[in-house]
Amino acid sequence: MAPQDAAPAKTKSSEAKRQGEPAEDTVTTADQTIAMVGARVRALRSRQGLTLKDVSDRTGVSVSMLSMLERGVATASVGTLVSVASALGVHMYDLFDHPATAEVSPLTLLEDQTVVRTSEGTTRRVAHHDVLAGLELAVNTYDVGGASGPVATHHDGREFGVLISGSLTVELEGEEHVLRPGDVIAYSSSRPHRIMNSGAESAVAVWVNLDSD
């Protein structure tokens, strides 16, 4: 499979984000991000004694794509990262660096939320991540023609989505479901799925991923 995506968006300091300018001393380059994510995926897989074929069977992602991801040759789509992370017992959030905090706050500022942008035309902002609850809450933006990935993927858990604006088509095991603003969809993540924006404007949806089905 050919490389699927561009690298995640660069990380900026809180003040720089508020001003709309990157802070040069905190910017993580695309190559560094790709290498970091790949190294973490490889470490998690090796620690669990899993082969690339094992992860491929659990996710539907090809062995060649997984190999390129681990070697830092290419990063993956949002759908692929979610599936691979789940297969390794973590959330996509755990594959990226996050600022250390002295204490746990009930508030997560917008500028502190992890944002991943891919060339598949999807931006995923992880608004909240709760390890104990096994929950990840994200705000996904799909460009016109954007999708969660080039092919359907699957993983453990369950997910729920509510469309805020635009329109989305969710493909579940080959069956398409069209969402309009306010519509909600829920399904087992073990079912091969792909999310696409075939509308005439960008679409925004809130998505919740749970570890357990």
N, C-alpha and C. Protein backbone atom coordinates (compact mmCIF):
# COMPACT_ATOMS: atom_id res chain seq x y z
N MET A 1 0.85 -1.19 0.00
CA MET A 1 0.00 0.00 0.00
C MET A 1 0.88 1.24 0.00
N ALA A 2 0.51 2.25 -0.75
CA ALA A 2 1.29 3.46 -0.80
C ALA A 2 1.13 4.24 0.48
N PRO A 3 2.09 5.13 0.81
CA PRO A 3 1.96 5.96 2.00
C PRO A 3 0.63 6.69 1.99
N GLN A 4 -0.03 6.75 3.13
CA GLN A 4 -1.41 7.21 3.16
C GLN A 4 -1.57 8.67 3.51
N ASP A 5 -0.65 9.25 4.28
CA ASP A 5 -0.94 10.56 4.82
C ASP A 5 0.28 11.44 4.96
N ALA A 6 0.01 12.68 5.24
CA ALA A 6 1.06 13.61 5.64
C ALA A 6 1.22 13.52 7.14
N ALA A 7 2.19 14.24 7.68
CA ALA A 7 2.45 14.17 9.12
C ALA A 7 1.43 14.97 9.89
N PRO A 8 1.29 14.68 11.21
CA PRO A 8 0.40 15.45 12.07
C PRO A 8 0.82 16.90 12.13
N ALA A 9 -0.12 17.74 12.52
CA ALA A 9 0.16 19.17 12.62
C ALA A 9 1.26 19.42 13.64
N LYS A 10 2.03 20.51 13.45
CA LYS A 10 3.10 20.85 14.36
C LYS A 10 2.55 21.34 15.68
N THR A 11 3.30 21.11 16.74
CA THR A 11 2.90 21.51 18.08
C THR A 11 3.39 22.92 18.37
N LYS A 12 2.55 23.76 18.94
CA LYS A 12 2.92 25.13 19.27
C LYS A 12 2.69 25.39 20.74
N SER A 13 3.37 26.39 21.27
CA SER A 13 3.16 26.76 22.66
C SER A 13 1.81 27.44 22.80
N SER A 14 1.29 27.49 24.04
CA SER A 14 -0.03 28.07 24.28
C SER A 14 -0.10 29.52 23.83
N GLU A 15 0.91 30.32 24.18
CA GLU A 15 0.87 31.73 23.82
C GLU A 15 0.96 31.91 22.32
N ALA A 16 1.78 31.11 21.67
CA ALA A 16 1.91 31.23 20.22
C ALA A 16 0.60 30.89 19.54
N LYS A 17 -0.09 29.88 20.05
CA LYS A 17 -1.36 29.50 19.46
C LYS A 17 -2.38 30.62 19.60
N ARG A 18 -2.35 31.29 20.76
CA ARG A 18 -3.31 32.37 20.98
C ARG A 18 -3.03 33.52 20.02
N GLN A 19 -1.76 33.72 19.68
CA GLN A 19 -1.39 34.81 18.79
C GLN A 19 -1.42 34.38 17.32
N GLY A 20 -1.60 33.08 17.09
CA GLY A 20 -1.67 32.60 15.72
C GLY A 20 -0.32 32.39 15.07
N GLU A 21 0.79 32.43 15.85
CA GLU A 21 2.12 32.25 15.32
C GLU A 21 2.82 31.09 16.03
N PRO A 22 3.62 30.29 15.29
CA PRO A 22 4.31 29.18 15.94
C PRO A 22 5.44 29.67 16.81
N ALA A 23 5.67 28.98 17.92
CA ALA A 23 6.81 29.27 18.77
C ALA A 23 7.96 28.39 18.30
N GLU A 24 9.03 29.00 17.80
CA GLU A 24 10.10 28.26 17.16
C GLU A 24 10.73 27.22 18.08
N ASP A 25 10.80 27.52 19.40
CA ASP A 25 11.49 26.60 20.30
C ASP A 25 10.64 25.41 20.70
N THR A 26 9.34 25.41 20.33
CA THR A 26 8.49 24.29 20.72
C THR A 26 7.91 23.55 19.51
N VAL A 27 8.30 23.96 18.33
CA VAL A 27 7.76 23.32 17.14
C VAL A 27 8.38 21.94 16.96
N THR A 28 7.55 20.93 16.77
CA THR A 28 8.01 19.59 16.47
C THR A 28 7.88 19.38 14.97
N THR A 29 8.98 19.08 14.28
CA THR A 29 8.92 18.93 12.84
C THR A 29 8.13 17.70 12.46
N ALA A 30 7.66 17.70 11.22
CA ALA A 30 6.87 16.58 10.73
C ALA A 30 7.68 15.29 10.78
N ASP A 31 8.94 15.34 10.36
CA ASP A 31 9.78 14.14 10.36
C ASP A 31 9.98 13.61 11.78
N GLN A 32 10.18 14.50 12.74
CA GLN A 32 10.35 14.07 14.12
C GLN A 32 9.09 13.41 14.65
N THR A 33 7.94 13.97 14.29
CA THR A 33 6.68 13.41 14.75
C THR A 33 6.46 12.03 14.16
N ILE A 34 6.72 11.88 12.86
CA ILE A 34 6.56 10.58 12.21
C ILE A 34 7.45 9.54 12.87
N ALA A 35 8.72 9.91 13.11
CA ALA A 35 9.67 8.98 13.72
C ALA A 35 9.24 8.62 15.14
N MET A 36 8.76 9.60 15.90
CA MET A 36 8.35 9.36 17.27
C MET A 36 7.16 8.41 17.34
N VAL A 37 6.15 8.66 16.51
CA VAL A 37 4.98 7.80 16.50
C VAL A 37 5.36 6.39 16.08
N GLY A 38 6.18 6.28 15.04
CA GLY A 38 6.61 4.97 14.58
C GLY A 38 7.37 4.20 15.64
N ALA A 39 8.25 4.89 16.35
CA ALA A 39 9.04 4.24 17.40
C ALA A 39 8.14 3.74 18.53
N ARG A 40 7.12 4.52 18.88
CA ARG A 40 6.22 4.12 19.96
C ARG A 40 5.37 2.92 19.55
N VAL A 41 4.93 2.93 18.30
CA VAL A 41 4.15 1.79 17.81
C VAL A 41 5.01 0.53 17.84
N ARG A 42 6.25 0.63 17.37
CA ARG A 42 7.15 -0.52 17.35
C ARG A 42 7.43 -1.03 18.77
N ALA A 43 7.67 -0.09 19.69
CA ALA A 43 7.97 -0.47 21.07
C ALA A 43 6.79 -1.17 21.72
N LEU A 44 5.59 -0.64 21.52
CA LEU A 44 4.40 -1.25 22.10
C LEU A 44 4.16 -2.64 21.52
N ARG A 45 4.34 -2.76 20.21
CA ARG A 45 4.13 -4.05 19.56
C ARG A 45 5.15 -5.09 20.06
N SER A 46 6.41 -4.68 20.11
CA SER A 46 7.47 -5.60 20.54
C SER A 46 7.29 -6.03 21.99
N ARG A 47 6.88 -5.07 22.83
CA ARG A 47 6.69 -5.36 24.25
C ARG A 47 5.61 -6.43 24.45
N GLN A 48 4.64 -6.45 23.55
CA GLN A 48 3.55 -7.41 23.67
C GLN A 48 3.79 -8.69 22.87
N GLY A 49 4.97 -8.78 22.23
CA GLY A 49 5.30 -9.98 21.47
C GLY A 49 4.45 -10.18 20.24
N LEU A 50 3.98 -9.08 19.64
CA LEU A 50 3.12 -9.17 18.47
C LEU A 50 3.94 -8.98 17.19
N THR A 51 3.56 -9.65 16.14
CA THR A 51 4.18 -9.45 14.84
C THR A 51 3.37 -8.41 14.06
N LEU A 52 3.95 -7.93 12.98
CA LEU A 52 3.22 -7.00 12.12
C LEU A 52 1.95 -7.67 11.57
N LYS A 53 2.05 -8.96 11.29
CA LYS A 53 0.88 -9.70 10.79
C LYS A 53 -0.20 -9.75 11.85
N ASP A 54 0.17 -9.90 13.12
CA ASP A 54 -0.82 -9.91 14.20
C ASP A 54 -1.60 -8.60 14.22
N VAL A 55 -0.87 -7.48 14.14
CA VAL A 55 -1.52 -6.16 14.18
C VAL A 55 -2.36 -5.95 12.93
N SER A 56 -1.86 -6.42 11.80
CA SER A 56 -2.61 -6.31 10.55
C SER A 56 -3.94 -7.05 10.64
N ASP A 57 -3.90 -8.26 11.21
CA ASP A 57 -5.12 -9.04 11.36
C ASP A 57 -6.13 -8.36 12.29
N ARG A 58 -5.62 -7.65 13.29
CA ARG A 58 -6.50 -6.99 14.26
C ARG A 58 -7.11 -5.69 13.72
N THR A 59 -6.49 -5.11 12.71
CA THR A 59 -6.90 -3.78 12.26
C THR A 59 -7.38 -3.69 10.82
N GLY A 60 -6.91 -4.61 9.97
CA GLY A 60 -7.23 -4.50 8.55
C GLY A 60 -6.24 -3.62 7.82
N VAL A 61 -5.21 -3.12 8.52
CA VAL A 61 -4.16 -2.31 7.91
C VAL A 61 -3.09 -3.25 7.37
N SER A 62 -2.60 -2.99 6.16
CA SER A 62 -1.64 -3.89 5.54
C SER A 62 -0.33 -3.93 6.30
N VAL A 63 0.37 -5.06 6.20
CA VAL A 63 1.68 -5.22 6.84
C VAL A 63 2.66 -4.19 6.30
N SER A 64 2.61 -3.92 4.99
CA SER A 64 3.54 -2.96 4.40
C SER A 64 3.32 -1.56 4.96
N MET A 65 2.06 -1.17 5.16
CA MET A 65 1.77 0.15 5.72
C MET A 65 2.24 0.22 7.16
N LEU A 66 2.01 -0.84 7.93
CA LEU A 66 2.45 -0.87 9.32
C LEU A 66 3.98 -0.77 9.41
N SER A 67 4.66 -1.45 8.50
CA SER A 67 6.12 -1.41 8.47
C SER A 67 6.62 0.00 8.18
N MET A 68 6.00 0.68 7.21
CA MET A 68 6.40 2.04 6.86
C MET A 68 6.13 2.99 8.03
N LEU A 69 5.03 2.77 8.73
CA LEU A 69 4.69 3.61 9.88
C LEU A 69 5.76 3.45 10.96
N GLU A 70 6.12 2.21 11.28
CA GLU A 70 7.11 1.96 12.34
C GLU A 70 8.49 2.51 11.98
N ARG A 71 8.85 2.45 10.70
CA ARG A 71 10.17 2.92 10.26
C ARG A 71 10.23 4.42 10.05
N GLY A 72 9.09 5.11 10.22
CA GLY A 72 9.07 6.55 10.06
C GLY A 72 9.08 6.98 8.62
N VAL A 73 8.79 6.06 7.70
CA VAL A 73 8.74 6.38 6.28
C VAL A 73 7.47 7.16 5.96
N ALA A 74 6.40 6.79 6.64
CA ALA A 74 5.11 7.47 6.43
C ALA A 74 4.28 7.33 7.68
N THR A 75 3.46 8.33 7.94
CA THR A 75 2.50 8.21 9.03
C THR A 75 1.22 7.65 8.45
N ALA A 76 0.19 7.50 9.27
CA ALA A 76 -1.04 6.86 8.82
C ALA A 76 -2.22 7.80 8.94
N SER A 77 -3.34 7.38 8.37
CA SER A 77 -4.56 8.15 8.48
C SER A 77 -5.04 8.12 9.92
N VAL A 78 -5.98 9.00 10.23
CA VAL A 78 -6.56 9.02 11.58
C VAL A 78 -7.18 7.67 11.90
N GLY A 79 -7.91 7.11 10.93
CA GLY A 79 -8.54 5.81 11.14
C GLY A 79 -7.52 4.72 11.43
N THR A 80 -6.40 4.76 10.71
CA THR A 80 -5.35 3.77 10.93
C THR A 80 -4.71 3.94 12.29
N LEU A 81 -4.41 5.18 12.69
CA LEU A 81 -3.79 5.42 13.99
C LEU A 81 -4.70 4.97 15.13
N VAL A 82 -6.00 5.25 15.00
CA VAL A 82 -6.95 4.82 16.03
C VAL A 82 -6.97 3.30 16.12
N SER A 83 -7.01 2.63 14.96
CA SER A 83 -7.07 1.18 14.94
C SER A 83 -5.80 0.54 15.48
N VAL A 84 -4.65 1.05 15.06
CA VAL A 84 -3.37 0.49 15.52
C VAL A 84 -3.21 0.70 17.02
N ALA A 85 -3.52 1.90 17.49
CA ALA A 85 -3.41 2.16 18.93
C ALA A 85 -4.30 1.22 19.72
N SER A 86 -5.53 1.03 19.27
CA SER A 86 -6.45 0.13 19.97
C SER A 86 -5.92 -1.30 19.97
N ALA A 87 -5.36 -1.74 18.86
CA ALA A 87 -4.81 -3.10 18.78
C ALA A 87 -3.66 -3.29 19.76
N LEU A 88 -3.00 -2.19 20.12
CA LEU A 88 -1.87 -2.25 21.06
C LEU A 88 -2.29 -1.90 22.49
N GLY A 89 -3.59 -1.73 22.70
CA GLY A 89 -4.09 -1.49 24.05
C GLY A 89 -3.99 -0.07 24.55
N VAL A 90 -3.86 0.90 23.63
CA VAL A 90 -3.79 2.30 24.02
C VAL A 90 -4.72 3.11 23.13
N HIS A 91 -4.78 4.42 23.37
CA HIS A 91 -5.53 5.32 22.51
C HIS A 91 -4.56 6.06 21.59
N MET A 92 -5.08 6.61 20.51
CA MET A 92 -4.25 7.37 19.58
C MET A 92 -3.50 8.48 20.31
N TYR A 93 -4.13 9.07 21.29
CA TYR A 93 -3.55 10.13 22.12
C TYR A 93 -2.20 9.72 22.69
N ASP A 94 -2.07 8.44 23.06
CA ASP A 94 -0.86 7.96 23.73
C ASP A 94 0.34 7.84 22.79
N LEU A 95 0.12 7.97 21.50
CA LEU A 95 1.22 7.86 20.54
C LEU A 95 1.96 9.18 20.35
N PHE A 96 1.45 10.26 20.95
CA PHE A 96 2.04 11.57 20.77
C PHE A 96 2.55 12.15 22.09
N ASP A 97 3.45 13.12 21.99
CA ASP A 97 3.96 13.81 23.18
C ASP A 97 2.92 14.77 23.70
N HIS A 98 2.90 14.95 25.03
CA HIS A 98 1.97 15.88 25.65
C HIS A 98 2.69 16.61 26.77
N PRO A 99 2.35 17.88 26.97
CA PRO A 99 3.01 18.64 28.04
C PRO A 99 2.73 18.05 29.40
N ALA A 100 3.77 17.98 30.23
CA ALA A 100 3.61 17.46 31.59
C ALA A 100 2.85 18.47 32.45
N THR A 101 1.96 17.98 33.29
CA THR A 101 1.20 18.87 34.17
C THR A 101 1.46 18.47 35.62
N ALA A 102 1.57 19.45 36.48
CA ALA A 102 1.87 19.20 37.89
C ALA A 102 0.69 18.53 38.60
N GLU A 103 -0.51 18.83 38.17
CA GLU A 103 -1.68 18.25 38.80
C GLU A 103 -2.76 18.05 37.76
N VAL A 104 -3.68 17.15 38.07
CA VAL A 104 -4.77 16.86 37.15
C VAL A 104 -5.86 17.92 37.30
N SER A 105 -6.20 18.54 36.18
CA SER A 105 -7.23 19.58 36.20
C SER A 105 -8.46 19.07 35.47
N PRO A 106 -9.64 19.50 35.90
CA PRO A 106 -10.85 19.10 35.18
C PRO A 106 -10.98 19.83 33.85
N LEU A 107 -10.13 20.83 33.64
CA LEU A 107 -10.19 21.64 32.43
C LEU A 107 -9.03 21.33 31.50
N THR A 108 -9.35 21.11 30.24
CA THR A 108 -8.32 20.96 29.21
C THR A 108 -8.46 22.11 28.23
N LEU A 109 -7.48 23.02 28.24
CA LEU A 109 -7.55 24.18 27.36
C LEU A 109 -7.45 23.78 25.90
N LEU A 110 -8.07 24.56 25.05
CA LEU A 110 -8.06 24.28 23.62
C LEU A 110 -6.63 24.14 23.09
N GLU A 111 -5.73 25.04 23.53
CA GLU A 111 -4.37 25.02 23.01
C GLU A 111 -3.54 23.83 23.51
N ASP A 112 -4.05 23.12 24.53
CA ASP A 112 -3.34 21.97 25.06
C ASP A 112 -3.85 20.64 24.47
N GLN A 113 -4.83 20.72 23.60
CA GLN A 113 -5.41 19.50 23.02
C GLN A 113 -4.60 19.05 21.81
N THR A 114 -4.40 17.75 21.70
CA THR A 114 -3.63 17.17 20.61
C THR A 114 -4.41 17.26 19.29
N VAL A 115 -3.77 17.79 18.27
CA VAL A 115 -4.39 17.92 16.95
C VAL A 115 -3.57 17.15 15.92
N VAL A 116 -4.24 16.29 15.16
CA VAL A 116 -3.58 15.52 14.12
C VAL A 116 -4.26 15.82 12.80
N ARG A 117 -3.45 16.24 11.82
CA ARG A 117 -3.96 16.57 10.49
C ARG A 117 -3.35 15.61 9.47
N THR A 118 -4.17 15.00 8.61
CA THR A 118 -3.65 14.06 7.63
C THR A 118 -4.00 14.49 6.21
N SER A 119 -3.29 13.91 5.25
CA SER A 119 -3.54 14.25 3.85
C SER A 119 -4.81 13.58 3.33
N GLU A 120 -5.45 12.77 4.17
CA GLU A 120 -6.75 12.20 3.79
C GLU A 120 -7.85 13.25 3.93
N GLY A 121 -7.48 14.47 4.40
CA GLY A 121 -8.46 15.53 4.51
C GLY A 121 -9.23 15.51 5.81
N THR A 122 -8.62 14.96 6.86
CA THR A 122 -9.27 14.89 8.16
C THR A 122 -8.38 15.50 9.24
N THR A 123 -8.99 16.29 10.12
CA THR A 123 -8.29 16.83 11.28
C THR A 123 -8.98 16.29 12.53
N ARG A 124 -8.19 15.66 13.40
CA ARG A 124 -8.75 15.10 14.64
C ARG A 124 -8.16 15.85 15.83
N ARG A 125 -9.03 16.46 16.61
CA ARG A 125 -8.61 17.16 17.83
C ARG A 125 -9.08 16.35 19.03
N VAL A 126 -8.12 15.78 19.75
CA VAL A 126 -8.48 14.98 20.93
C VAL A 126 -8.79 15.94 22.07
N ALA A 127 -10.07 16.14 22.33
CA ALA A 127 -10.51 17.11 23.32
C ALA A 127 -10.35 16.59 24.74
N HIS A 128 -10.53 15.28 24.93
CA HIS A 128 -10.41 14.71 26.27
C HIS A 128 -9.97 13.25 26.16
N HIS A 129 -9.09 12.87 27.08
CA HIS A 129 -8.56 11.51 27.10
C HIS A 129 -8.58 11.02 28.54
N ASP A 130 -9.29 9.93 28.81
CA ASP A 130 -9.43 9.40 30.17
C ASP A 130 -9.01 7.94 30.17
N VAL A 131 -7.82 7.68 30.70
CA VAL A 131 -7.28 6.32 30.72
C VAL A 131 -8.13 5.41 31.60
N LEU A 132 -8.51 5.89 32.78
CA LEU A 132 -9.26 5.06 33.72
C LEU A 132 -10.63 4.67 33.16
N ALA A 133 -11.27 5.60 32.47
CA ALA A 133 -12.59 5.32 31.90
C ALA A 133 -12.49 4.62 30.56
N GLY A 134 -11.28 4.54 30.00
CA GLY A 134 -11.11 3.93 28.69
C GLY A 134 -11.85 4.70 27.61
N LEU A 135 -11.71 6.03 27.67
CA LEU A 135 -12.50 6.89 26.78
C LEU A 135 -11.63 7.93 26.09
N GLU A 136 -11.94 8.19 24.84
CA GLU A 136 -11.30 9.29 24.11
C GLU A 136 -12.39 10.08 23.40
N LEU A 137 -12.42 11.39 23.63
CA LEU A 137 -13.40 12.28 23.03
C LEU A 137 -12.69 13.17 22.03
N ALA A 138 -13.15 13.17 20.80
CA ALA A 138 -12.47 13.95 19.75
C ALA A 138 -13.46 14.76 18.94
N VAL A 139 -12.96 15.87 18.39
CA VAL A 139 -13.71 16.68 17.45
C VAL A 139 -13.04 16.51 16.10
N ASN A 140 -13.74 15.91 15.16
CA ASN A 140 -13.19 15.62 13.85
C ASN A 140 -13.74 16.57 12.80
N THR A 141 -12.85 17.11 11.98
CA THR A 141 -13.26 17.96 10.86
C THR A 141 -12.85 17.27 9.56
N TYR A 142 -13.80 17.08 8.66
CA TYR A 142 -13.55 16.40 7.39
C TYR A 142 -13.69 17.41 6.25
N ASP A 143 -12.61 17.60 5.49
CA ASP A 143 -12.69 18.46 4.32
C ASP A 143 -13.62 17.82 3.29
N VAL A 144 -14.02 18.60 2.30
CA VAL A 144 -14.81 18.04 1.20
C VAL A 144 -13.97 16.94 0.54
N GLY A 145 -14.53 15.75 0.46
CA GLY A 145 -13.80 14.63 -0.10
C GLY A 145 -12.91 13.93 0.91
N GLY A 146 -12.84 14.45 2.15
CA GLY A 146 -12.00 13.87 3.18
C GLY A 146 -12.58 12.58 3.73
N ALA A 147 -11.73 11.79 4.38
CA ALA A 147 -12.18 10.51 4.93
C ALA A 147 -11.30 10.13 6.11
N SER A 148 -11.77 9.17 6.89
CA SER A 148 -10.99 8.69 8.03
C SER A 148 -9.79 7.88 7.57
N GLY A 149 -9.82 7.39 6.34
CA GLY A 149 -8.71 6.64 5.78
C GLY A 149 -9.06 6.14 4.39
N PRO A 150 -8.10 5.60 3.67
CA PRO A 150 -8.35 5.13 2.30
C PRO A 150 -9.17 3.84 2.25
N VAL A 151 -9.13 3.06 3.34
CA VAL A 151 -9.88 1.80 3.39
C VAL A 151 -10.54 1.68 4.75
N ALA A 152 -11.50 0.79 4.85
CA ALA A 152 -12.16 0.53 6.13
C ALA A 152 -11.19 -0.18 7.07
N THR A 153 -11.24 0.17 8.36
CA THR A 153 -10.41 -0.47 9.36
C THR A 153 -11.31 -0.94 10.51
N HIS A 154 -10.73 -1.72 11.41
CA HIS A 154 -11.50 -2.19 12.57
C HIS A 154 -10.56 -2.32 13.76
N HIS A 155 -11.14 -2.33 14.95
CA HIS A 155 -10.36 -2.42 16.19
C HIS A 155 -11.31 -2.75 17.33
N ASP A 156 -10.77 -2.93 18.52
CA ASP A 156 -11.60 -3.24 19.68
C ASP A 156 -12.37 -1.99 20.12
N GLY A 157 -13.42 -2.22 20.89
CA GLY A 157 -14.15 -1.10 21.49
C GLY A 157 -15.47 -0.78 20.81
N ARG A 158 -15.95 0.41 21.13
CA ARG A 158 -17.22 0.88 20.59
C ARG A 158 -17.09 2.38 20.36
N GLU A 159 -17.79 2.91 19.38
CA GLU A 159 -17.71 4.34 19.13
C GLU A 159 -19.07 4.95 18.83
N PHE A 160 -19.15 6.25 19.14
CA PHE A 160 -20.38 7.01 18.97
C PHE A 160 -20.02 8.33 18.29
N GLY A 161 -20.83 8.74 17.34
CA GLY A 161 -20.56 10.00 16.67
C GLY A 161 -21.83 10.82 16.52
N VAL A 162 -21.71 12.13 16.70
CA VAL A 162 -22.83 13.04 16.45
C VAL A 162 -22.34 14.11 15.48
N LEU A 163 -23.06 14.29 14.39
CA LEU A 163 -22.67 15.27 13.38
C LEU A 163 -23.13 16.65 13.79
N ILE A 164 -22.19 17.60 13.80
CA ILE A 164 -22.49 18.98 14.18
C ILE A 164 -22.86 19.81 12.96
N SER A 165 -22.11 19.66 11.88
CA SER A 165 -22.40 20.42 10.67
C SER A 165 -21.93 19.65 9.44
N GLY A 166 -22.51 20.00 8.28
CA GLY A 166 -22.17 19.32 7.05
C GLY A 166 -22.89 17.99 6.93
N SER A 167 -22.31 17.07 6.17
CA SER A 167 -22.89 15.74 6.04
C SER A 167 -21.76 14.72 5.97
N LEU A 168 -22.02 13.52 6.47
CA LEU A 168 -21.02 12.45 6.47
C LEU A 168 -21.68 11.15 6.04
N THR A 169 -20.88 10.30 5.43
CA THR A 169 -21.32 8.96 5.11
C THR A 169 -20.44 7.98 5.89
N VAL A 170 -21.06 7.16 6.70
CA VAL A 170 -20.33 6.16 7.48
C VAL A 170 -20.57 4.80 6.85
N GLU A 171 -19.49 4.18 6.40
CA GLU A 171 -19.56 2.86 5.79
C GLU A 171 -19.28 1.80 6.86
N LEU A 172 -20.27 0.93 7.08
CA LEU A 172 -20.14 -0.15 8.07
C LEU A 172 -20.29 -1.48 7.35
N GLU A 173 -19.20 -2.22 7.28
CA GLU A 173 -19.22 -3.52 6.61
C GLU A 173 -19.86 -3.42 5.23
N GLY A 174 -19.53 -2.35 4.51
CA GLY A 174 -20.00 -2.19 3.14
C GLY A 174 -21.34 -1.48 3.01
N GLU A 175 -22.05 -1.29 4.12
CA GLU A 175 -23.34 -0.60 4.08
C GLU A 175 -23.14 0.87 4.46
N GLU A 176 -23.70 1.78 3.65
CA GLU A 176 -23.50 3.21 3.88
C GLU A 176 -24.66 3.84 4.65
N HIS A 177 -24.30 4.68 5.62
CA HIS A 177 -25.28 5.42 6.42
C HIS A 177 -24.95 6.91 6.30
N VAL A 178 -25.92 7.70 5.84
CA VAL A 178 -25.71 9.13 5.64
C VAL A 178 -26.19 9.89 6.87
N LEU A 179 -25.31 10.73 7.43
CA LEU A 179 -25.63 11.53 8.61
C LEU A 179 -25.84 12.98 8.22
N ARG A 180 -26.87 13.59 8.80
CA ARG A 180 -27.14 15.02 8.68
C ARG A 180 -26.93 15.65 10.06
N PRO A 181 -26.80 16.97 10.15
CA PRO A 181 -26.57 17.61 11.45
C PRO A 181 -27.57 17.16 12.51
N GLY A 182 -27.04 16.75 13.66
CA GLY A 182 -27.88 16.27 14.75
C GLY A 182 -28.02 14.76 14.79
N ASP A 183 -27.73 14.09 13.68
CA ASP A 183 -27.83 12.63 13.65
C ASP A 183 -26.70 12.01 14.48
N VAL A 184 -27.01 10.87 15.08
CA VAL A 184 -26.04 10.14 15.91
C VAL A 184 -25.90 8.72 15.37
N ILE A 185 -24.67 8.21 15.38
CA ILE A 185 -24.43 6.83 14.97
C ILE A 185 -23.60 6.14 16.04
N ALA A 186 -23.89 4.87 16.30
CA ALA A 186 -23.18 4.09 17.31
C ALA A 186 -22.97 2.69 16.77
N TYR A 187 -21.77 2.14 16.98
CA TYR A 187 -21.49 0.81 16.46
C TYR A 187 -20.26 0.22 17.14
N SER A 188 -20.15 -1.09 17.04
CA SER A 188 -18.97 -1.78 17.54
C SER A 188 -17.81 -1.47 16.61
N SER A 189 -16.68 -1.09 17.19
CA SER A 189 -15.51 -0.76 16.38
C SER A 189 -14.91 -1.98 15.71
N SER A 190 -15.34 -3.18 16.10
CA SER A 190 -14.84 -4.40 15.48
C SER A 190 -15.41 -4.57 14.07
N ARG A 191 -16.45 -3.82 13.75
CA ARG A 191 -17.02 -3.86 12.40
C ARG A 191 -16.17 -2.96 11.48
N PRO A 192 -15.70 -3.45 10.35
CA PRO A 192 -14.91 -2.60 9.44
C PRO A 192 -15.69 -1.34 9.10
N HIS A 193 -15.05 -0.19 9.31
CA HIS A 193 -15.75 1.07 9.11
C HIS A 193 -14.86 2.14 8.50
N ARG A 194 -15.49 3.06 7.81
CA ARG A 194 -14.80 4.18 7.19
C ARG A 194 -15.76 5.36 7.16
N ILE A 195 -15.25 6.55 7.45
CA ILE A 195 -16.08 7.75 7.51
C ILE A 195 -15.66 8.68 6.39
N MET A 196 -16.61 9.16 5.59
CA MET A 196 -16.30 9.97 4.42
C MET A 196 -17.19 11.20 4.35
N ASN A 197 -16.63 12.28 3.81
CA ASN A 197 -17.41 13.49 3.55
C ASN A 197 -17.60 13.61 2.04
N SER A 198 -18.78 13.26 1.59
CA SER A 198 -19.10 13.36 0.17
C SER A 198 -19.99 14.55 -0.12
N GLY A 199 -20.10 15.45 0.88
CA GLY A 199 -20.93 16.63 0.72
C GLY A 199 -20.20 17.78 0.03
N ALA A 200 -20.85 18.94 0.00
CA ALA A 200 -20.31 20.10 -0.70
C ALA A 200 -19.63 21.09 0.24
N GLU A 201 -19.56 20.76 1.53
CA GLU A 201 -18.90 21.63 2.50
C GLU A 201 -18.21 20.76 3.55
N SER A 202 -17.31 21.37 4.31
CA SER A 202 -16.62 20.61 5.34
C SER A 202 -17.62 20.14 6.39
N ALA A 203 -17.28 19.06 7.07
CA ALA A 203 -18.18 18.49 8.07
C ALA A 203 -17.44 18.41 9.41
N VAL A 204 -18.17 18.66 10.49
CA VAL A 204 -17.61 18.59 11.84
C VAL A 204 -18.44 17.62 12.67
N ALA A 205 -17.77 16.71 13.35
CA ALA A 205 -18.47 15.72 14.17
C ALA A 205 -17.72 15.52 15.49
N VAL A 206 -18.47 15.22 16.53
CA VAL A 206 -17.89 14.85 17.82
C VAL A 206 -17.90 13.33 17.89
N TRP A 207 -16.74 12.74 18.18
CA TRP A 207 -16.62 11.29 18.18
C TRP A 207 -16.09 10.80 19.53
N VAL A 208 -16.72 9.76 20.04
CA VAL A 208 -16.29 9.15 21.31
C VAL A 208 -15.90 7.71 21.04
N ASN A 209 -14.69 7.34 21.47
CA ASN A 209 -14.20 5.97 21.36
C ASN A 209 -14.07 5.36 22.74
N LEU A 210 -14.67 4.20 22.96
CA LEU A 210 -14.58 3.48 24.22
C LEU A 210 -13.74 2.22 24.02
N ASP A 211 -12.97 1.86 25.05
CA ASP A 211 -12.14 0.66 24.96
C ASP A 211 -12.98 -0.61 24.88
N SER A 212 -14.08 -0.67 25.66
CA SER A 212 -14.88 -1.87 25.72
C SER A 212 -16.10 -1.77 24.81
N ASP A 213 -16.53 -2.92 24.32
CA ASP A 213 -17.68 -2.96 23.39
C ASP A 213 -18.99 -3.02 24.18
